[in-house]
């Protein structure tokens, strides 16, 4: 890699950490908001849905305006919105007549930032003159995993020492990250995604490209493969490790994220020696095996092993699809990355909305650590001696992610 582009790549790494902050910090404070402002928990949890729906809208709209304003302006704007949302969390609920409206405005601000980051970070790294773009893309996406683990771990440690009553100070500390990274994007070099003299595909041309729809199918299945099992992580951690619900809610999703990050780092480190197609096919097969282990095993320990296997297996699917699409569709440009980001986010938003709809009682704050990732499994989970941990209806529902992984597996061959 050219030396002057290392700072660009590092800024993009930090960009995914910023996205992890805006997606994972506020859900840790749901009960705090409930007690401090007297807002019904059902209304507070709706903030997650607002966050993801607005991010989906930004994913779509980005295809039409990012090329006009440029990647540098979009990157700076994304970080400014993210920082503004985090800072306003500490101010608006206190000064507005309705604290909920203050929280809602704050969430909408950082959701705009999160949505922009989802779209722009990958193509900025893709455009950098790196030696192996697939390796760099995988390593880039690992930083969302590490960011999620860091946000949850550091925030939990902070609250255990200083209590949640002092959450505003932590929000301001987290806001420093996007502020500093916005300054980075002011000065780092940004290479053009499409070479000078070349013309990218129009929106209509992209939608008419058969290969684009194959990659869209792959990214949809990648999101489904990840979300379908991440929802079970806390339950299997609780039962498999024999720990409290609070510890299980923390350990399960973090285990899933760590192993997902590890698989991305492995390819990011050794990708020049590993065939991307082969690793994605292996990951699809391993993913199906993990689903079957979770669905058919009567042991919570084996179920937890299946969750860990799944976290590792899905790691390469998202960045691998981005890399394959970039190489397979010349001139795809911003529109391609925006629509792929939209497709990958769709399943997480759907799961999130269903989880909120099913909510009928208070649960511990840590059950909201990862948006879209908790726990439809409770409806199927059984602990009576002699019964499988997942009921018949639960096993039937596991067919969906198994099918998603199978489609990913076959779609990879179709695109060759």
Protein backbone atom coordinates (compact mmCIF):
# COMPACT_ATOMS: atom_id res chain seq x y z
CA UNK A 1 0.00 0.00 0.00
CA UNK A 2 1.18 3.49 -0.73
CA UNK A 3 2.29 5.06 2.49
CA UNK A 4 0.05 8.09 2.27
CA UNK A 5 -3.09 5.93 2.08
CA UNK A 6 -2.45 4.16 5.37
CA UNK A 7 -3.98 7.10 7.21
CA UNK A 8 -7.07 6.81 4.99
CA UNK A 9 -7.50 3.13 5.80
CA UNK A 10 -6.97 3.78 9.52
CA UNK A 11 -9.62 6.51 9.43
CA UNK A 12 -12.02 4.02 7.82
CA UNK A 13 -11.24 1.48 10.54
CA UNK A 14 -12.19 4.11 13.10
CA UNK A 15 -15.31 4.89 11.06
CA UNK A 16 -16.65 1.41 11.73
CA UNK A 17 -15.89 1.85 15.42
CA UNK A 18 -18.00 5.00 15.32
CA UNK A 19 -20.84 3.03 13.75
CA UNK A 20 -20.51 0.44 16.52
CA UNK A 21 -20.80 3.24 19.10
CA UNK A 22 -23.99 4.70 17.66
CA UNK A 23 -25.61 1.27 17.31
CA UNK A 24 -24.65 -0.24 20.66
CA UNK A 25 -24.26 2.47 23.30
CA UNK A 26 -27.79 3.81 23.74
CA UNK A 27 -29.46 0.37 24.13
CA UNK A 28 -27.37 -0.10 27.29
CA UNK A 29 -29.22 2.85 28.81
CA UNK A 30 -32.83 1.85 28.24
CA UNK A 31 -33.67 1.18 31.89
CA UNK A 32 -31.75 4.30 32.88
CA UNK A 33 -33.91 6.40 30.54
CA UNK A 34 -36.99 4.64 31.89
CA UNK A 35 -36.15 5.50 35.50
CA UNK A 36 -34.68 8.96 34.91
CA UNK A 37 -37.29 10.38 32.54
CA UNK A 38 -40.33 8.23 33.33
CA UNK A 39 -40.68 7.09 29.72
CA UNK A 40 -42.39 3.78 29.05
CA UNK A 41 -39.90 1.09 28.10
CA UNK A 42 -41.98 0.18 25.05
CA UNK A 43 -41.46 3.73 23.72
CA UNK A 44 -37.77 3.72 24.54
CA UNK A 45 -37.12 0.45 22.73
CA UNK A 46 -38.75 1.95 19.64
CA UNK A 47 -35.65 4.14 19.39
CA UNK A 48 -33.76 1.13 17.99
CA UNK A 49 -36.31 0.76 15.21
CA UNK A 50 -36.11 4.47 14.41
CA UNK A 51 -32.32 4.17 14.28
CA UNK A 52 -32.31 1.27 11.85
CA UNK A 53 -35.17 2.46 9.65
CA UNK A 54 -33.50 5.83 9.22
CA UNK A 55 -30.18 4.11 8.47
CA UNK A 56 -31.94 2.07 5.79
CA UNK A 57 -33.36 5.26 4.27
CA UNK A 58 -29.89 6.82 4.24
CA UNK A 59 -28.50 3.66 2.61
CA UNK A 60 -30.96 4.11 -0.24
CA UNK A 61 -30.71 7.88 -0.60
CA UNK A 62 -26.90 7.76 -0.55
CA UNK A 63 -26.92 6.20 -4.00
CA UNK A 64 -28.22 9.51 -5.36
CA UNK A 65 -26.25 12.20 -3.55
CA UNK A 66 -22.84 10.95 -2.33
CA UNK A 67 -21.22 11.17 -5.74
CA UNK A 68 -22.45 14.76 -6.02
CA UNK A 69 -21.04 15.97 -2.69
CA UNK A 70 -17.97 13.72 -2.69
CA UNK A 71 -16.72 11.07 -0.28
CA UNK A 72 -14.74 13.48 1.87
CA UNK A 73 -17.74 15.72 2.54
CA UNK A 74 -19.93 12.67 3.18
CA UNK A 75 -17.40 11.18 5.62
CA UNK A 76 -17.05 14.43 7.57
CA UNK A 77 -20.81 14.90 7.61
CA UNK A 78 -21.33 11.35 8.89
CA UNK A 79 -19.01 11.89 11.84
CA UNK A 80 -20.49 15.30 12.63
CA UNK A 81 -24.00 13.81 12.77
CA UNK A 82 -22.78 10.92 14.92
CA UNK A 83 -21.06 13.25 17.38
CA UNK A 84 -24.03 15.64 17.41
CA UNK A 85 -26.38 12.78 18.25
CA UNK A 86 -24.26 11.54 21.14
CA UNK A 87 -23.77 15.03 22.57
CA UNK A 88 -27.45 15.94 22.21
CA UNK A 89 -28.38 12.83 24.21
CA UNK A 90 -27.00 14.63 27.25
CA UNK A 91 -28.78 17.92 26.52
CA UNK A 92 -32.05 17.66 24.59
CA UNK A 93 -33.99 15.38 27.00
CA UNK A 94 -33.28 17.91 29.75
CA UNK A 95 -34.31 21.09 27.92
CA UNK A 96 -37.24 19.94 25.77
CA UNK A 97 -40.76 19.62 27.25
CA UNK A 98 -40.78 15.92 26.31
CA UNK A 99 -37.63 13.93 27.19
CA UNK A 100 -38.67 11.25 24.71
CA UNK A 101 -38.68 13.77 21.86
CA UNK A 102 -35.18 14.81 22.93
CA UNK A 103 -34.00 11.20 22.80
CA UNK A 104 -35.73 10.68 19.46
CA UNK A 105 -34.05 13.71 17.86
CA UNK A 106 -30.68 12.58 19.20
CA UNK A 107 -31.15 9.07 17.80
CA UNK A 108 -32.18 10.47 14.43
CA UNK A 109 -29.05 12.61 14.30
CA UNK A 110 -26.62 9.78 14.93
CA UNK A 111 -28.65 7.41 12.74
CA UNK A 112 -27.91 9.68 9.78
CA UNK A 113 -24.23 9.40 10.63
CA UNK A 114 -24.41 5.63 11.02
CA UNK A 115 -26.22 5.20 7.72
CA UNK A 116 -23.68 7.29 5.84
CA UNK A 117 -20.79 5.39 7.38
CA UNK A 118 -22.34 2.09 6.34
CA UNK A 119 -22.30 3.23 2.72
CA UNK A 120 -19.06 5.20 2.34
CA UNK A 121 -16.43 3.39 4.40
CA UNK A 122 -16.20 0.25 2.25
CA UNK A 123 -15.89 2.03 -1.12
CA UNK A 124 -13.27 4.44 0.28
CA UNK A 125 -11.11 1.47 1.29
CA UNK A 126 -11.88 -0.33 -1.97
CA UNK A 127 -10.60 2.70 -3.89
CA UNK A 128 -7.30 2.81 -1.98
CA UNK A 129 -4.35 1.33 -3.92
CA UNK A 130 -3.89 -1.70 -1.67
CA UNK A 131 -2.06 -4.88 -2.66
CA UNK A 132 -4.94 -7.18 -1.78
CA UNK A 133 -8.35 -5.51 -1.64
CA UNK A 134 -10.15 -8.62 -0.36
CA UNK A 135 -7.82 -8.83 2.64
CA UNK A 136 -8.28 -5.16 3.46
CA UNK A 137 -12.07 -5.35 3.12
CA UNK A 138 -12.21 -8.27 5.55
CA UNK A 139 -9.94 -6.52 8.04
CA UNK A 140 -12.01 -3.34 7.71
CA UNK A 141 -15.26 -5.09 8.61
CA UNK A 142 -13.64 -6.73 11.64
CA UNK A 143 -13.47 -3.30 13.26
CA UNK A 144 -17.24 -3.17 13.63
CA UNK A 145 -16.98 -6.37 15.67
CA UNK A 146 -14.15 -5.03 17.82
CA UNK A 147 -15.96 -1.72 18.19
CA UNK A 148 -19.12 -3.48 19.40
CA UNK A 149 -17.20 -5.54 21.94
CA UNK A 150 -15.29 -2.47 23.13
CA UNK A 151 -18.42 -0.33 23.51
CA UNK A 152 -20.24 -2.97 25.51
CA UNK A 153 -17.22 -3.99 27.58
CA UNK A 154 -15.95 -0.50 28.38
CA UNK A 155 -19.44 0.86 29.03
CA UNK A 156 -20.29 -2.04 31.34
CA UNK A 157 -17.03 -1.53 33.25
CA UNK A 158 -17.69 2.22 33.50
CA UNK A 159 -21.21 1.66 34.84
CA UNK A 160 -19.96 -0.87 37.39
CA UNK A 161 -17.50 1.71 38.73
CA UNK A 162 -19.32 5.02 38.32
CA UNK A 163 -22.95 3.74 38.06
CA UNK A 164 -25.39 4.54 35.27
CA UNK A 165 -26.28 7.81 36.99
CA UNK A 166 -23.14 9.24 35.36
CA UNK A 167 -23.90 7.99 31.87
CA UNK A 168 -23.78 11.49 30.34
CA UNK A 169 -20.04 11.75 30.91
CA UNK A 170 -19.51 8.48 29.07
CA UNK A 171 -21.70 9.67 26.18
CA UNK A 172 -19.47 12.73 25.84
CA UNK A 173 -16.38 10.52 25.97
CA UNK A 174 -17.72 8.33 23.16
CA UNK A 175 -18.57 11.50 21.18
CA UNK A 176 -14.87 12.35 21.09
CA UNK A 177 -14.24 9.39 18.75
CA UNK A 178 -16.31 10.72 15.79
CA UNK A 179 -15.06 14.26 16.41
CA UNK A 180 -11.42 13.19 16.16
CA UNK A 181 -12.10 10.98 13.15
CA UNK A 182 -13.91 13.81 11.37
CA UNK A 183 -10.69 15.80 11.67
CA UNK A 184 -8.82 12.83 10.22
CA UNK A 185 -11.06 12.79 7.15
CA UNK A 186 -10.36 16.47 6.53
CA UNK A 187 -6.72 15.71 5.74
CA UNK A 188 -6.44 12.08 4.57
CA UNK A 189 -6.16 11.40 0.82
CA UNK A 190 -9.20 9.77 -0.79
CA UNK A 191 -8.78 7.93 -4.08
CA UNK A 192 -11.56 7.96 -6.69
CA UNK A 193 -13.67 4.82 -6.74
CA UNK A 194 -14.01 5.03 -10.53
CA UNK A 195 -10.90 5.90 -12.53
CA UNK A 196 -10.72 9.24 -14.26
CA UNK A 197 -12.13 9.03 -17.79
CA UNK A 198 -14.34 6.05 -16.92
CA UNK A 199 -18.05 6.25 -16.37
CA UNK A 200 -19.87 4.36 -13.66
CA UNK A 201 -23.08 2.44 -14.18
CA UNK A 202 -26.30 4.37 -13.91
CA UNK A 203 -28.90 3.32 -11.37
CA UNK A 204 -30.98 1.78 -14.17
CA UNK A 205 -27.98 -0.07 -15.62
CA UNK A 206 -27.07 -1.43 -12.20
CA UNK A 207 -30.58 -2.73 -11.55
CA UNK A 208 -30.57 -4.34 -14.99
CA UNK A 209 -27.31 -6.19 -14.29
CA UNK A 210 -27.89 -9.90 -13.57
CA UNK A 211 -24.72 -10.13 -11.52
CA UNK A 212 -25.91 -7.34 -9.24
CA UNK A 213 -28.99 -9.34 -8.23
CA UNK A 214 -26.87 -12.40 -7.49
CA UNK A 215 -24.71 -10.31 -5.16
CA UNK A 216 -27.83 -8.72 -3.65
CA UNK A 217 -29.11 -12.23 -2.91
CA UNK A 218 -25.77 -13.09 -1.33
CA UNK A 219 -25.77 -10.01 0.91
CA UNK A 220 -29.38 -10.62 1.96
CA UNK A 221 -28.49 -14.18 2.92
CA UNK A 222 -25.36 -12.97 4.71
CA UNK A 223 -27.43 -10.66 6.89
CA UNK A 224 -30.01 -13.38 7.53
CA UNK A 225 -27.33 -15.93 8.40
CA UNK A 226 -25.86 -13.58 10.98
CA UNK A 227 -29.07 -12.31 12.55
CA UNK A 228 -30.90 -15.63 12.79
CA UNK A 229 -28.39 -17.09 15.25
CA UNK A 230 -27.09 -13.99 17.02
CA UNK A 231 -30.55 -13.74 18.60
CA UNK A 232 -29.95 -17.01 20.43
CA UNK A 233 -26.50 -16.17 21.74
CA UNK A 234 -27.43 -14.84 25.17
CA UNK A 235 -29.83 -17.70 25.94
CA UNK A 236 -27.33 -20.43 25.11
CA UNK A 237 -24.59 -18.61 27.02
CA UNK A 238 -26.84 -18.42 30.08
CA UNK A 239 -27.80 -22.10 30.03
CA UNK A 240 -24.61 -23.53 28.56
CA UNK A 241 -22.30 -21.74 30.99
CA UNK A 242 -24.69 -21.94 33.92
CA UNK A 243 -24.50 -18.20 34.56
CA UNK A 244 -27.05 -15.54 35.42
CA UNK A 245 -29.22 -13.91 32.79
CA UNK A 246 -27.22 -10.70 33.12
CA UNK A 247 -23.90 -12.44 32.47
CA UNK A 248 -25.42 -14.51 29.67
CA UNK A 249 -26.76 -11.39 27.98
CA UNK A 250 -23.24 -9.98 28.03
CA UNK A 251 -21.18 -13.09 27.26
CA UNK A 252 -23.27 -14.62 24.45
CA UNK A 253 -23.39 -11.71 21.98
CA UNK A 254 -19.80 -10.74 22.77
CA UNK A 255 -18.65 -14.32 22.05
CA UNK A 256 -20.50 -14.20 18.73
CA UNK A 257 -18.95 -10.84 17.80
CA UNK A 258 -15.43 -11.84 18.85
CA UNK A 259 -15.44 -14.99 16.72
CA UNK A 260 -16.95 -13.10 13.79
CA UNK A 261 -14.14 -10.56 14.14
CA UNK A 262 -11.53 -13.31 14.43
CA UNK A 263 -12.58 -14.91 11.13
CA UNK A 264 -12.33 -11.51 9.41
CA UNK A 265 -8.89 -10.87 10.88
CA UNK A 266 -7.68 -14.32 9.79
CA UNK A 267 -8.61 -13.59 6.20
CA UNK A 268 -7.31 -10.03 6.55
CA UNK A 269 -3.95 -11.42 7.65
CA UNK A 270 -3.61 -14.50 5.46
CA UNK A 271 -5.95 -13.67 2.57
CA UNK A 272 -3.14 -13.81 0.03
CA UNK A 273 -2.79 -17.51 0.86
CA UNK A 274 -6.52 -18.27 1.10
CA UNK A 275 -8.87 -18.43 -1.87
CA UNK A 276 -11.85 -16.15 -1.16
CA UNK A 277 -14.32 -18.36 -3.04
CA UNK A 278 -13.11 -21.40 -1.15
CA UNK A 279 -13.36 -19.66 2.22
CA UNK A 280 -16.88 -18.41 1.50
CA UNK A 281 -18.00 -21.86 0.43
CA UNK A 282 -16.39 -23.38 3.54
CA UNK A 283 -18.07 -20.71 5.67
CA UNK A 284 -21.46 -21.47 4.11
CA UNK A 285 -21.06 -25.17 4.88
CA UNK A 286 -19.85 -24.45 8.42
CA UNK A 287 -22.78 -22.10 8.91
CA UNK A 288 -25.26 -24.80 7.94
CA UNK A 289 -23.53 -27.25 10.28
CA UNK A 290 -23.78 -24.76 13.14
CA UNK A 291 -27.53 -24.30 12.52
CA UNK A 292 -28.09 -28.04 12.57
CA UNK A 293 -26.08 -28.41 15.78
CA UNK A 294 -28.13 -25.66 17.46
CA UNK A 295 -31.46 -26.97 16.19
CA UNK A 296 -30.98 -30.69 16.81
CA UNK A 297 -28.90 -30.78 19.98
CA UNK A 298 -30.56 -31.17 23.38
CA UNK A 299 -27.47 -29.76 25.12
CA UNK A 300 -27.13 -26.06 25.87
CA UNK A 301 -23.35 -26.44 25.83
CA UNK A 302 -23.41 -27.85 22.29
CA UNK A 303 -25.87 -25.11 21.38
CA UNK A 304 -23.39 -22.52 22.59
CA UNK A 305 -20.67 -24.21 20.53
CA UNK A 306 -23.00 -23.93 17.54
CA UNK A 307 -23.49 -20.21 18.20
CA UNK A 308 -19.71 -19.74 18.33
CA UNK A 309 -19.28 -21.73 15.10
CA UNK A 310 -21.90 -19.58 13.43
CA UNK A 311 -20.19 -16.36 14.54
CA UNK A 312 -16.95 -17.57 12.99
CA UNK A 313 -18.61 -18.80 9.80
CA UNK A 314 -20.58 -15.65 8.97
CA UNK A 315 -17.60 -13.35 9.43
CA UNK A 316 -16.36 -13.51 5.83
CA UNK A 317 -19.78 -13.48 4.16
CA UNK A 318 -20.48 -9.73 4.24
CA UNK A 319 -17.00 -8.36 3.36
CA UNK A 320 -16.46 -11.22 0.91
CA UNK A 321 -19.65 -10.32 -0.94
CA UNK A 322 -18.58 -6.67 -1.11
CA UNK A 323 -15.20 -7.67 -2.55
CA UNK A 324 -16.70 -10.08 -5.09
CA UNK A 325 -19.25 -7.50 -6.19
CA UNK A 326 -16.62 -4.80 -6.60
CA UNK A 327 -14.47 -7.10 -8.73
CA UNK A 328 -17.39 -8.59 -10.67
CA UNK A 329 -19.30 -5.41 -11.54
CA UNK A 330 -17.05 -2.85 -13.13
CA UNK A 331 -18.25 0.69 -12.60
CA UNK A 332 -20.75 -0.29 -9.91
CA UNK A 333 -19.68 2.73 -7.90
CA UNK A 334 -21.46 4.26 -4.96
CA UNK A 335 -24.89 3.05 -6.01
CA UNK A 336 -23.78 -0.59 -5.82
CA UNK A 337 -22.26 -0.22 -2.35
CA UNK A 338 -25.32 1.71 -1.12
CA UNK A 339 -27.79 -0.91 -2.33
CA UNK A 340 -25.71 -3.78 -0.98
CA UNK A 341 -25.55 -2.04 2.40
CA UNK A 342 -29.32 -1.65 2.26
CA UNK A 343 -29.78 -5.34 1.47
CA UNK A 344 -27.49 -6.44 4.28
CA UNK A 345 -29.26 -4.24 6.82
CA UNK A 346 -32.80 -5.27 5.91
CA UNK A 347 -32.90 -8.47 7.97
CA UNK A 348 -31.50 -6.81 11.07
CA UNK A 349 -34.19 -4.16 10.94
CA UNK A 350 -36.92 -6.77 10.43
CA UNK A 351 -35.73 -8.82 13.39
CA UNK A 352 -35.51 -5.70 15.51
CA UNK A 353 -39.06 -4.71 14.73
CA UNK A 354 -40.34 -8.19 15.57
CA UNK A 355 -38.47 -8.24 18.85
CA UNK A 356 -40.00 -4.94 19.90
CA UNK A 357 -43.46 -6.05 18.84
CA UNK A 358 -43.18 -9.13 21.02
CA UNK A 359 -41.98 -7.23 24.07
CA UNK A 360 -44.54 -7.37 26.85
CA UNK A 361 -42.51 -6.90 30.00
CA UNK A 362 -39.34 -5.23 31.34
CA UNK A 363 -36.07 -6.98 30.77
CA UNK A 364 -32.55 -6.21 31.86
CA UNK A 365 -30.79 -3.48 29.89
CA UNK A 366 -28.11 -5.85 28.58
CA UNK A 367 -30.72 -7.66 26.51
CA UNK A 368 -30.49 -4.64 24.19
CA UNK A 369 -26.71 -4.72 23.77
CA UNK A 370 -26.84 -5.57 20.07
CA UNK A 371 -29.73 -4.07 18.06
CA UNK A 372 -31.69 -6.75 16.29
CA UNK A 373 -29.94 -9.51 18.20
CA UNK A 374 -32.15 -10.54 21.18
CA UNK A 375 -34.16 -13.05 21.91
CA UNK A 376 -37.03 -14.59 20.00
CA UNK A 377 -35.50 -17.78 21.30
CA UNK A 378 -37.16 -17.35 24.70
CA UNK A 379 -40.48 -18.39 23.19
CA UNK A 380 -39.04 -21.74 22.19
CA UNK A 381 -36.42 -22.36 24.84
CA UNK A 382 -37.20 -25.22 27.22
CA UNK A 383 -35.26 -26.25 30.25
CA UNK A 384 -37.27 -29.23 31.50
CA UNK A 385 -35.25 -32.42 31.83
CA UNK A 386 -35.51 -34.65 28.81
CA UNK A 387 -36.70 -31.96 26.40
CA UNK A 388 -34.69 -30.42 23.64
CA UNK A 389 -33.63 -26.83 24.22
CA UNK A 390 -35.47 -25.77 21.08
CA UNK A 391 -39.04 -26.89 20.59
CA UNK A 392 -40.49 -28.26 17.38
CA UNK A 393 -41.64 -24.83 16.25
CA UNK A 394 -38.19 -23.49 16.99
CA UNK A 395 -36.56 -26.16 14.85
CA UNK A 396 -38.89 -25.35 11.98
CA UNK A 397 -37.85 -21.72 12.19
CA UNK A 398 -34.22 -22.78 11.94
CA UNK A 399 -34.98 -23.94 8.37
CA UNK A 400 -34.96 -20.30 7.25
CA UNK A 401 -31.33 -19.53 8.10
CA UNK A 402 -30.25 -22.97 6.86
CA UNK A 403 -31.88 -22.15 3.54
CA UNK A 404 -30.21 -18.72 3.53
CA UNK A 405 -26.78 -20.28 3.97
CA UNK A 406 -27.53 -22.81 1.24
CA UNK A 407 -28.53 -20.04 -1.16
CA UNK A 408 -25.28 -18.21 -0.34
CA UNK A 409 -23.41 -21.41 -1.10
CA UNK A 410 -25.13 -21.94 -4.47
CA UNK A 411 -25.18 -18.26 -5.44
CA UNK A 412 -21.40 -18.10 -5.19
CA UNK A 413 -21.19 -20.74 -7.91
CA UNK A 414 -23.77 -19.04 -10.09
CA UNK A 415 -21.76 -15.83 -10.25
CA UNK A 416 -18.69 -17.60 -11.68
